[in-house]
Amino acid sequence: MPEEAAAVVNEERRQQGIIPWDKVPWWVVILLALGLFLTYLIMANPKYHDTFNYLRSGVVMTLRITFSAYIFAVSAGLLIGLARTSKNKVIYTIATLYVEIMRGIPMVVLMLYVAFALVPATVGLIKSFGTWGLAHTQNAILADIFTTFSHATPRDLPMDVRAIIALAMGYAAFEAEVFRAGIQSIGRGQMEAALSLGMNYIQAMRFVILPQAVRRVLPPLGNDFVALLKDSSLATVLAVREITQMGRLRRASTFRVMETFNVVAYLYLSMTLFLSGMVRLLEQKMKIKE
């Protein structure tokens, strides 16, 4: 039969390390070719080379915002995710309210709100607290602390820190849902068995439930890290000098739109494709172990 003959040929090619044409991941080939072409332009074309050198400092800021916001988001998301599984109605309601609000606000709106509304309001409260403390304390150490508080201004908090706070607040809601789903995916019998062995709820969560849940949620956490890397570009609305903002400045000063945004896209694609590949490897590793 022709189909059997084709199957035999394909098996022989596979054993020889030859991939059939219909099995070749052509999207990977095209992306690699495009990446090599842009790399050549950056190395050989002075316009692309100068643009790349100009944007390199933006890469450092982008990675700083991404890693900082992600650490805070995962830490807060774990706590909120645990609260979302709590039987305490007050804790559950507060956590659910936070998740629904944060997930319902566009990230760029949240960033503007945090930077120009929440931070000034919080600094105003700190300043009022410092002024009140100075009027009610006789302790020299506390007086120094209250004096520092009383002189606080919104300018003391840089825009990149405000961007980190906004991204962390927004992504904490998404990470909370990831952790909640991971915790609830563990059979209820696991918790009952831990409690029957004399553990309390916290010990059961720490030693039995969370180790299993974290292993299951690692791939979606990796996907959220890639998404956060891309969303860090929204910090450009706060004039933070990350990749996108540096690209805008480069375009405004040189009027070289094509070269500038080709390099901007190249930098983002390089980072996101590398991280996406790492996430795929992690997913495969998790499947093999299961």
Protein backbone atom coordinates (compact mmCIF):
# COMPACT_ATOMS: atom_id res chain seq x y z
CA MET A 1 0.00 0.00 0.00
CA PRO A 2 1.28 3.52 -0.82
CA GLU A 3 0.50 4.75 2.70
CA GLU A 4 2.44 1.92 4.30
CA ALA A 5 5.37 2.53 1.97
CA ALA A 6 5.33 6.26 2.85
CA ALA A 7 5.24 5.40 6.55
CA VAL A 8 8.26 3.10 6.14
CA VAL A 9 10.17 5.83 4.25
CA ASN A 10 9.32 8.41 6.91
CA GLU A 11 10.47 6.07 9.67
CA GLU A 12 13.77 5.48 7.86
CA ARG A 13 14.25 9.24 7.44
CA ARG A 14 13.43 9.79 11.10
CA GLN A 15 16.04 7.25 12.15
CA GLN A 16 18.55 9.02 9.90
CA GLY A 17 17.71 12.36 11.50
CA ILE A 18 15.85 13.66 8.43
CA ILE A 19 12.61 15.52 9.20
CA PRO A 20 9.81 15.11 6.62
CA TRP A 21 8.83 18.34 4.87
CA ASP A 22 5.32 18.25 6.29
CA LYS A 23 6.72 17.95 9.83
CA VAL A 24 9.15 20.88 9.62
CA PRO A 25 8.15 23.75 11.98
CA TRP A 26 8.27 26.36 9.26
CA TRP A 27 7.28 29.18 11.60
CA VAL A 28 10.49 28.52 13.54
CA VAL A 29 12.52 28.52 10.33
CA ILE A 30 10.98 31.83 9.22
CA LEU A 31 11.55 33.43 12.62
CA LEU A 32 15.17 32.27 12.69
CA ALA A 33 15.75 33.61 9.18
CA LEU A 34 14.18 36.94 10.13
CA GLY A 35 16.23 37.09 13.33
CA LEU A 36 19.46 36.34 11.47
CA PHE A 37 18.64 39.01 8.89
CA LEU A 38 18.00 41.65 11.58
CA THR A 39 21.15 40.58 13.42
CA TYR A 40 23.12 41.08 10.20
CA LEU A 41 21.59 44.53 9.73
CA ILE A 42 22.48 45.52 13.28
CA MET A 43 26.08 44.41 12.77
CA ALA A 44 26.59 45.70 9.23
CA ASN A 45 24.27 48.71 8.84
CA PRO A 46 25.45 51.84 10.76
CA LYS A 47 21.87 53.10 11.16
CA TYR A 48 20.73 49.87 12.79
CA HIS A 49 23.96 49.56 14.78
CA ASP A 50 23.64 53.05 16.27
CA THR A 51 19.97 52.44 17.05
CA PHE A 52 20.78 49.17 18.81
CA ASN A 53 23.47 50.82 20.93
CA TYR A 54 21.04 53.59 21.86
CA LEU A 55 18.36 51.12 22.96
CA ARG A 56 20.61 48.85 25.04
CA SER A 57 20.09 50.89 28.20
CA GLY A 58 16.35 50.42 27.74
CA VAL A 59 16.82 46.64 27.88
CA VAL A 60 18.33 46.92 31.36
CA MET A 61 15.39 49.02 32.59
CA THR A 62 12.85 46.65 30.98
CA LEU A 63 14.39 43.63 32.69
CA ARG A 64 14.60 45.48 36.00
CA ILE A 65 10.91 46.40 35.88
CA THR A 66 9.91 42.90 34.78
CA PHE A 67 11.85 40.95 37.39
CA SER A 68 10.99 43.32 40.25
CA ALA A 69 7.27 43.41 39.44
CA TYR A 70 7.15 39.64 38.92
CA ILE A 71 8.73 38.85 42.29
CA PHE A 72 6.21 41.06 44.10
CA ALA A 73 3.32 39.78 41.98
CA VAL A 74 4.07 36.11 42.67
CA SER A 75 4.57 36.74 46.39
CA ALA A 76 1.33 38.70 46.73
CA GLY A 77 -0.47 36.32 44.36
CA LEU A 78 0.38 33.34 46.56
CA LEU A 79 -1.08 35.05 49.63
CA ILE A 80 -4.19 36.18 47.76
CA GLY A 81 -4.59 32.74 46.20
CA LEU A 82 -4.50 31.16 49.65
CA ALA A 83 -7.08 33.71 50.81
CA ARG A 84 -9.27 32.77 47.84
CA THR A 85 -9.36 29.18 49.13
CA SER A 86 -10.07 30.23 52.72
CA LYS A 87 -13.33 29.27 54.42
CA ASN A 88 -13.30 32.57 56.30
CA LYS A 89 -15.93 34.71 54.57
CA VAL A 90 -14.21 38.01 55.35
CA ILE A 91 -10.82 36.92 54.03
CA TYR A 92 -12.39 35.25 50.98
CA THR A 93 -14.51 38.33 50.18
CA ILE A 94 -11.59 40.77 50.43
CA ALA A 95 -9.36 38.57 48.25
CA THR A 96 -12.09 38.02 45.66
CA LEU A 97 -12.89 41.74 45.55
CA TYR A 98 -9.25 42.55 44.92
CA VAL A 99 -8.95 39.96 42.14
CA GLU A 100 -12.10 41.09 40.37
CA ILE A 101 -11.15 44.78 40.53
CA MET A 102 -7.58 44.30 39.34
CA ARG A 103 -8.57 41.95 36.52
CA GLY A 104 -11.29 44.34 35.38
CA ILE A 105 -9.05 47.41 35.00
CA PRO A 106 -6.88 47.75 31.89
CA MET A 107 -3.20 47.65 32.82
CA VAL A 108 -2.43 51.05 31.30
CA VAL A 109 -5.28 52.62 33.31
CA LEU A 110 -4.03 50.95 36.46
CA MET A 111 -0.53 52.26 35.80
CA LEU A 112 -1.78 55.83 35.36
CA TYR A 113 -3.99 55.53 38.44
CA VAL A 114 -1.17 54.23 40.63
CA ALA A 115 1.34 56.78 39.37
CA PHE A 116 -0.79 59.91 39.50
CA ALA A 117 -3.52 59.13 42.05
CA LEU A 118 -2.60 56.35 44.45
CA VAL A 119 1.03 57.29 45.05
CA PRO A 120 0.35 61.02 45.69
CA ALA A 121 -2.55 60.11 48.00
CA THR A 122 -0.37 57.64 49.93
CA VAL A 123 2.47 60.14 50.21
CA GLY A 124 -0.03 62.73 51.46
CA LEU A 125 -1.13 60.34 54.22
CA ILE A 126 2.49 59.65 55.17
CA LYS A 127 3.20 63.37 55.30
CA SER A 128 0.15 63.99 57.49
CA PHE A 129 1.19 61.15 59.78
CA GLY A 130 4.68 62.64 60.10
CA THR A 131 3.29 66.09 60.92
CA TRP A 132 0.94 64.60 63.52
CA GLY A 133 3.78 62.54 65.03
CA LEU A 134 6.06 65.55 65.40
CA ALA A 135 3.39 67.29 67.43
CA HIS A 136 2.84 64.33 69.78
CA THR A 137 6.29 62.85 70.47
CA GLN A 138 9.17 63.77 72.72
CA ASN A 139 11.43 60.90 71.64
CA ALA A 140 14.42 62.07 69.55
CA ILE A 141 14.56 58.94 67.38
CA LEU A 142 10.84 59.03 66.63
CA ALA A 143 11.11 62.77 65.99
CA ASP A 144 13.71 62.13 63.26
CA ILE A 145 11.47 59.50 61.66
CA PHE A 146 8.42 61.76 61.79
CA THR A 147 10.47 64.63 60.38
CA THR A 148 11.42 62.47 57.39
CA PHE A 149 7.77 61.52 56.91
CA SER A 150 6.62 65.13 57.17
CA HIS A 151 8.93 66.17 54.31
CA ALA A 152 7.81 63.38 51.97
CA THR A 153 6.74 64.40 48.46
CA PRO A 154 5.49 62.34 45.47
CA ARG A 155 8.73 63.17 43.67
CA ASP A 156 10.59 60.98 46.15
CA LEU A 157 9.18 57.91 44.38
CA PRO A 158 10.61 57.56 40.83
CA MET A 159 8.34 56.71 37.93
CA ASP A 160 10.00 53.34 37.35
CA VAL A 161 9.13 52.33 40.93
CA ARG A 162 5.53 53.43 40.35
CA ALA A 163 5.45 51.30 37.19
CA ILE A 164 6.73 48.30 39.16
CA ILE A 165 4.04 48.83 41.82
CA ALA A 166 1.28 49.05 39.21
CA LEU A 167 2.41 45.95 37.32
CA ALA A 168 2.85 44.01 40.56
CA MET A 169 -0.64 44.97 41.75
CA GLY A 170 -2.22 44.01 38.44
CA TYR A 171 -0.40 40.72 37.94
CA ALA A 172 -0.86 39.70 41.58
CA ALA A 173 -4.54 39.17 40.73
CA PHE A 174 -3.66 36.88 37.81
CA GLU A 175 -1.09 34.94 39.85
CA ALA A 176 -3.66 34.57 42.64
CA GLU A 177 -6.00 32.78 40.25
CA VAL A 178 -3.16 30.56 39.05
CA PHE A 179 -2.31 29.56 42.61
CA ARG A 180 -5.98 29.11 43.52
CA ALA A 181 -6.50 26.76 40.59
CA GLY A 182 -3.34 24.85 41.48
CA ILE A 183 -4.36 24.44 45.11
CA GLN A 184 -7.88 23.34 44.24
CA SER A 185 -6.55 20.83 41.69
CA ILE A 186 -5.04 18.82 44.55
CA GLY A 187 -7.47 16.18 45.79
CA ARG A 188 -9.33 17.01 48.99
CA GLY A 189 -8.17 13.70 50.41
CA GLN A 190 -4.62 15.08 50.60
CA MET A 191 -5.71 17.74 53.08
CA GLU A 192 -7.83 15.28 55.05
CA ALA A 193 -4.92 12.84 55.26
CA ALA A 194 -2.56 15.57 56.48
CA LEU A 195 -5.03 16.69 59.14
CA SER A 196 -5.56 13.11 60.24
CA LEU A 197 -1.81 12.81 60.84
CA GLY A 198 -1.97 15.63 63.38
CA MET A 199 -0.99 18.57 61.17
CA ASN A 200 -2.85 21.85 61.43
CA TYR A 201 -4.14 23.71 58.37
CA ILE A 202 -0.98 25.82 57.91
CA GLN A 203 1.32 22.81 58.20
CA ALA A 204 -0.79 20.82 55.75
CA MET A 205 -0.66 23.65 53.24
CA ARG A 206 3.08 24.15 53.68
CA PHE A 207 4.25 20.54 53.58
CA VAL A 208 1.58 18.71 51.56
CA ILE A 209 -0.61 20.90 49.35
CA LEU A 210 1.65 23.76 48.21
CA PRO A 211 4.63 21.61 47.08
CA GLN A 212 2.29 19.70 44.74
CA ALA A 213 0.39 22.81 43.62
CA VAL A 214 3.53 24.83 42.85
CA ARG A 215 4.80 22.05 40.59
CA ARG A 216 1.56 22.20 38.61
CA VAL A 217 1.43 25.97 38.28
CA LEU A 218 5.02 26.53 37.15
CA PRO A 219 4.17 26.53 33.40
CA PRO A 220 1.34 29.12 33.69
CA LEU A 221 3.56 31.22 35.97
CA GLY A 222 6.18 31.15 33.24
CA ASN A 223 3.62 32.28 30.67
CA ASP A 224 2.64 35.17 32.93
CA PHE A 225 6.29 36.18 33.19
CA VAL A 226 6.47 36.45 29.40
CA ALA A 227 3.24 38.48 29.39
CA LEU A 228 4.61 40.77 32.09
CA LEU A 229 7.76 41.35 30.06
CA LYS A 230 5.62 42.59 27.17
CA ASP A 231 3.36 44.65 29.43
CA SER A 232 6.41 46.40 30.87
CA SER A 233 6.32 48.45 27.65
CA LEU A 234 3.28 50.25 29.12
CA ALA A 235 5.70 52.06 31.42
CA THR A 236 6.34 54.34 28.44
CA VAL A 237 3.17 56.26 29.42
CA LEU A 238 5.09 57.31 32.56
CA ALA A 239 8.14 58.33 30.51
CA VAL A 240 10.19 55.50 32.03
CA ARG A 241 13.23 54.96 29.84
CA GLU A 242 12.61 51.30 28.97
CA ILE A 243 12.86 49.86 25.45
CA THR A 244 9.67 51.39 24.04
CA GLN A 245 10.33 54.85 25.49
CA MET A 246 13.92 54.78 24.28
CA GLY A 247 12.62 53.83 20.85
CA ARG A 248 10.22 56.79 20.89
CA LEU A 249 13.05 59.13 21.86
CA ARG A 250 15.27 57.70 19.13
CA ARG A 251 12.53 58.10 16.54
CA ALA A 252 11.85 61.69 17.61
CA SER A 253 15.52 62.68 17.45
CA THR A 254 16.50 60.93 14.21
CA PHE A 255 13.16 60.47 12.36
CA ARG A 256 14.31 56.95 11.47
CA VAL A 257 11.04 55.17 12.17
CA MET A 258 11.67 51.90 10.33
CA GLU A 259 15.12 51.24 11.79
CA THR A 260 14.07 52.23 15.30
CA PHE A 261 10.98 50.10 15.65
CA ASN A 262 12.52 47.17 13.78
CA VAL A 263 15.16 47.05 16.50
CA VAL A 264 12.55 47.55 19.26
CA ALA A 265 10.55 44.61 17.90
CA TYR A 266 13.74 42.57 17.51
CA LEU A 267 14.68 43.10 21.16
CA TYR A 268 11.24 42.18 22.48
CA LEU A 269 10.96 39.15 20.20
CA SER A 270 14.40 37.90 21.19
CA MET A 271 13.54 38.00 24.88
CA THR A 272 9.98 36.69 24.62
CA LEU A 273 10.82 33.83 22.24
CA PHE A 274 13.71 32.74 24.45
CA LEU A 275 11.50 32.80 27.54
CA SER A 276 8.65 31.06 25.71
CA GLY A 277 11.06 28.30 24.71
CA MET A 278 12.10 27.90 28.33
CA VAL A 279 8.44 27.65 29.36
CA ARG A 280 7.83 24.93 26.74
CA LEU A 281 10.80 22.97 28.05
CA LEU A 282 9.43 23.34 31.57
CA GLU A 283 6.01 22.09 30.46
CA GLN A 284 7.57 19.05 28.78
CA LYS A 285 9.61 18.32 31.91
CA MET A 286 6.51 18.51 34.08
CA LYS A 287 4.62 16.14 31.77
CA ILE A 288 7.45 13.64 31.76
CA LYS A 289 7.60 13.57 35.54
CA GLU A 290 3.88 13.10 35.87
